[in-house]
């Protein structure tokens, strides 16, 4: 079984996924609402929503995926709230690099630093509204030690 985060945006999905690809690596695929055939049964879009993303996929270098979309209000959509994306990273240098990229224009809740449970841990919400928990695990943590 694989759990894959699916992020909801309000017009920022393409920019967010471009940012995530620049930080994490990988390839982005986007399908936009204005590429759909006419008879889809979906509510009409506002003119400024024509280029919004119906589905986005970032395929990471290790094969992992991050999914998302722009969720128009007339579809009942809202910006994401109430969850965080947890990412394990291999080093303190890498957590700093990713943190700095995600923090630009966002809201920092906890700077990267050592904790009782990790070599380094950080929390933030990026400028697109996605909440992140970044961690460099303590030695042996991945093996359950």
Protein backbone atom coordinates (compact mmCIF):
# COMPACT_ATOMS: atom_id res chain seq x y z
CA UNK A 1 0.00 0.00 0.00
CA UNK A 2 1.29 3.46 -0.86
CA UNK A 3 0.05 6.74 0.58
CA UNK A 4 0.44 9.72 -1.76
CA UNK A 5 -0.21 13.32 -0.64
CA UNK A 6 -2.75 15.16 -2.83
CA UNK A 7 -2.55 18.93 -2.41
CA UNK A 8 -5.35 21.39 -3.21
CA UNK A 9 -4.64 24.92 -4.42
CA UNK A 10 -6.63 27.89 -5.67
CA UNK A 11 -4.78 28.84 -8.84
CA UNK A 12 -1.21 28.28 -7.58
CA UNK A 13 -0.80 24.58 -8.42
CA UNK A 14 1.47 24.96 -11.47
CA UNK A 15 3.78 27.41 -9.67
CA UNK A 16 3.82 25.26 -6.52
CA UNK A 17 4.73 22.09 -8.43
CA UNK A 18 7.44 23.93 -10.36
CA UNK A 19 8.86 25.08 -7.01
CA UNK A 20 8.68 21.58 -5.53
CA UNK A 21 10.42 20.09 -8.59
CA UNK A 22 13.23 22.65 -8.29
CA UNK A 23 13.74 21.69 -4.63
CA UNK A 24 13.15 17.93 -4.63
CA UNK A 25 14.03 17.08 -8.25
CA UNK A 26 11.85 15.01 -10.54
CA UNK A 27 9.45 15.63 -13.39
CA UNK A 28 6.14 17.51 -13.31
CA UNK A 29 3.14 16.56 -15.45
CA UNK A 30 0.15 18.92 -15.59
CA UNK A 31 -3.35 18.54 -17.03
CA UNK A 32 -5.31 21.78 -17.18
CA UNK A 33 -9.05 22.38 -17.03
CA UNK A 34 -9.00 24.24 -20.37
CA UNK A 35 -7.66 21.07 -22.04
CA UNK A 36 -10.79 19.07 -21.15
CA UNK A 37 -13.34 18.16 -23.81
CA UNK A 38 -16.52 20.26 -23.76
CA UNK A 39 -18.92 17.62 -22.38
CA UNK A 40 -17.32 16.76 -19.04
CA UNK A 41 -20.27 17.42 -16.72
CA UNK A 42 -18.17 19.81 -14.65
CA UNK A 43 -19.43 23.25 -13.58
CA UNK A 44 -18.23 26.06 -15.84
CA UNK A 45 -15.00 27.82 -14.97
CA UNK A 46 -14.59 31.54 -14.48
CA UNK A 47 -12.50 33.16 -17.25
CA UNK A 48 -9.52 33.62 -14.91
CA UNK A 49 -9.58 29.88 -14.05
CA UNK A 50 -9.10 28.59 -17.60
CA UNK A 51 -5.43 27.71 -17.06
CA UNK A 52 -5.95 26.18 -13.63
CA UNK A 53 -4.56 22.68 -13.10
CA UNK A 54 -7.04 19.80 -13.03
CA UNK A 55 -4.32 17.29 -12.01
CA UNK A 56 -0.60 17.59 -11.27
CA UNK A 57 1.95 14.90 -10.62
CA UNK A 58 5.54 15.32 -9.49
CA UNK A 59 7.43 12.07 -9.96
CA UNK A 60 10.44 12.23 -7.66
CA UNK A 61 13.88 10.80 -8.50
CA UNK A 62 13.30 7.88 -6.08
CA UNK A 63 9.94 7.04 -7.72
CA UNK A 64 7.81 8.68 -5.03
CA UNK A 65 5.00 10.96 -6.14
CA UNK A 66 3.28 14.13 -5.03
CA UNK A 67 -0.14 14.89 -6.54
CA UNK A 68 -2.31 17.99 -6.58
CA UNK A 69 -4.76 20.25 -8.36
CA UNK A 70 -6.35 23.66 -8.38
CA UNK A 71 -9.73 23.22 -6.72
CA UNK A 72 -12.15 25.91 -7.97
CA UNK A 73 -14.61 27.25 -5.37
CA UNK A 74 -17.57 26.44 -7.65
CA UNK A 75 -16.51 22.76 -7.41
CA UNK A 76 -16.72 23.03 -3.62
CA UNK A 77 -12.97 23.43 -3.42
CA UNK A 78 -10.96 25.11 -0.72
CA UNK A 79 -7.30 25.67 -0.11
CA UNK A 80 -5.73 22.85 1.88
CA UNK A 81 -5.76 22.92 5.68
CA UNK A 82 -5.30 20.48 8.52
CA UNK A 83 -2.45 18.24 7.39
CA UNK A 84 1.30 18.32 6.80
CA UNK A 85 3.64 16.61 4.39
CA UNK A 86 6.45 14.87 6.27
CA UNK A 87 9.72 14.45 4.39
CA UNK A 88 12.76 12.56 5.65
CA UNK A 89 16.04 13.97 4.38
CA UNK A 90 19.55 12.52 4.44
CA UNK A 91 21.50 15.40 6.01
CA UNK A 92 21.37 18.67 7.89
CA UNK A 93 22.66 20.47 4.79
CA UNK A 94 19.77 19.04 2.76
CA UNK A 95 17.13 19.97 5.35
CA UNK A 96 18.48 23.53 5.34
CA UNK A 97 18.40 23.74 1.52
CA UNK A 98 14.83 22.41 1.27
CA UNK A 99 13.65 24.48 4.25
CA UNK A 100 15.06 27.72 2.81
CA UNK A 101 13.37 27.10 -0.54
CA UNK A 102 9.98 26.28 0.99
CA UNK A 103 10.17 29.08 3.58
CA UNK A 104 10.56 31.82 0.96
CA UNK A 105 7.34 33.83 1.24
CA UNK A 106 5.88 31.29 3.67
CA UNK A 107 5.38 31.03 7.42
CA UNK A 108 8.09 29.41 9.55
CA UNK A 109 6.78 27.54 12.59
CA UNK A 110 10.08 25.94 13.64
CA UNK A 111 13.58 26.50 12.24
CA UNK A 112 15.68 23.39 11.51
CA UNK A 113 17.44 22.18 14.61
CA UNK A 114 18.14 19.16 16.80
CA UNK A 115 15.35 17.64 18.88
CA UNK A 116 15.13 14.71 21.24
CA UNK A 117 13.70 12.58 18.40
CA UNK A 118 15.70 13.72 15.37
CA UNK A 119 19.08 15.06 14.30
CA UNK A 120 17.19 17.97 12.77
CA UNK A 121 13.50 18.86 12.49
CA UNK A 122 11.63 21.83 11.02
CA UNK A 123 8.03 22.91 10.40
CA UNK A 124 6.66 25.53 8.03
CA UNK A 125 3.82 26.46 5.72
CA UNK A 126 4.96 27.45 2.23
CA UNK A 127 3.61 30.43 0.29
CA UNK A 128 1.11 28.14 -1.46
CA UNK A 129 -0.49 27.01 1.82
CA UNK A 130 1.11 23.54 2.09
CA UNK A 131 2.37 22.60 5.56
CA UNK A 132 5.67 20.72 5.77
CA UNK A 133 7.51 18.75 8.45
CA UNK A 134 11.12 18.12 7.47
CA UNK A 135 13.27 15.68 9.41
CA UNK A 136 16.74 14.19 9.45
CA UNK A 137 16.15 11.08 11.51
CA UNK A 138 18.33 10.14 14.46
CA UNK A 139 20.78 7.31 13.82
CA UNK A 140 18.89 4.02 13.84
CA UNK A 141 15.45 5.66 13.72
CA UNK A 142 14.64 4.35 10.24
CA UNK A 143 15.40 0.82 11.38
CA UNK A 144 13.14 1.22 14.40
CA UNK A 145 16.00 1.24 16.90
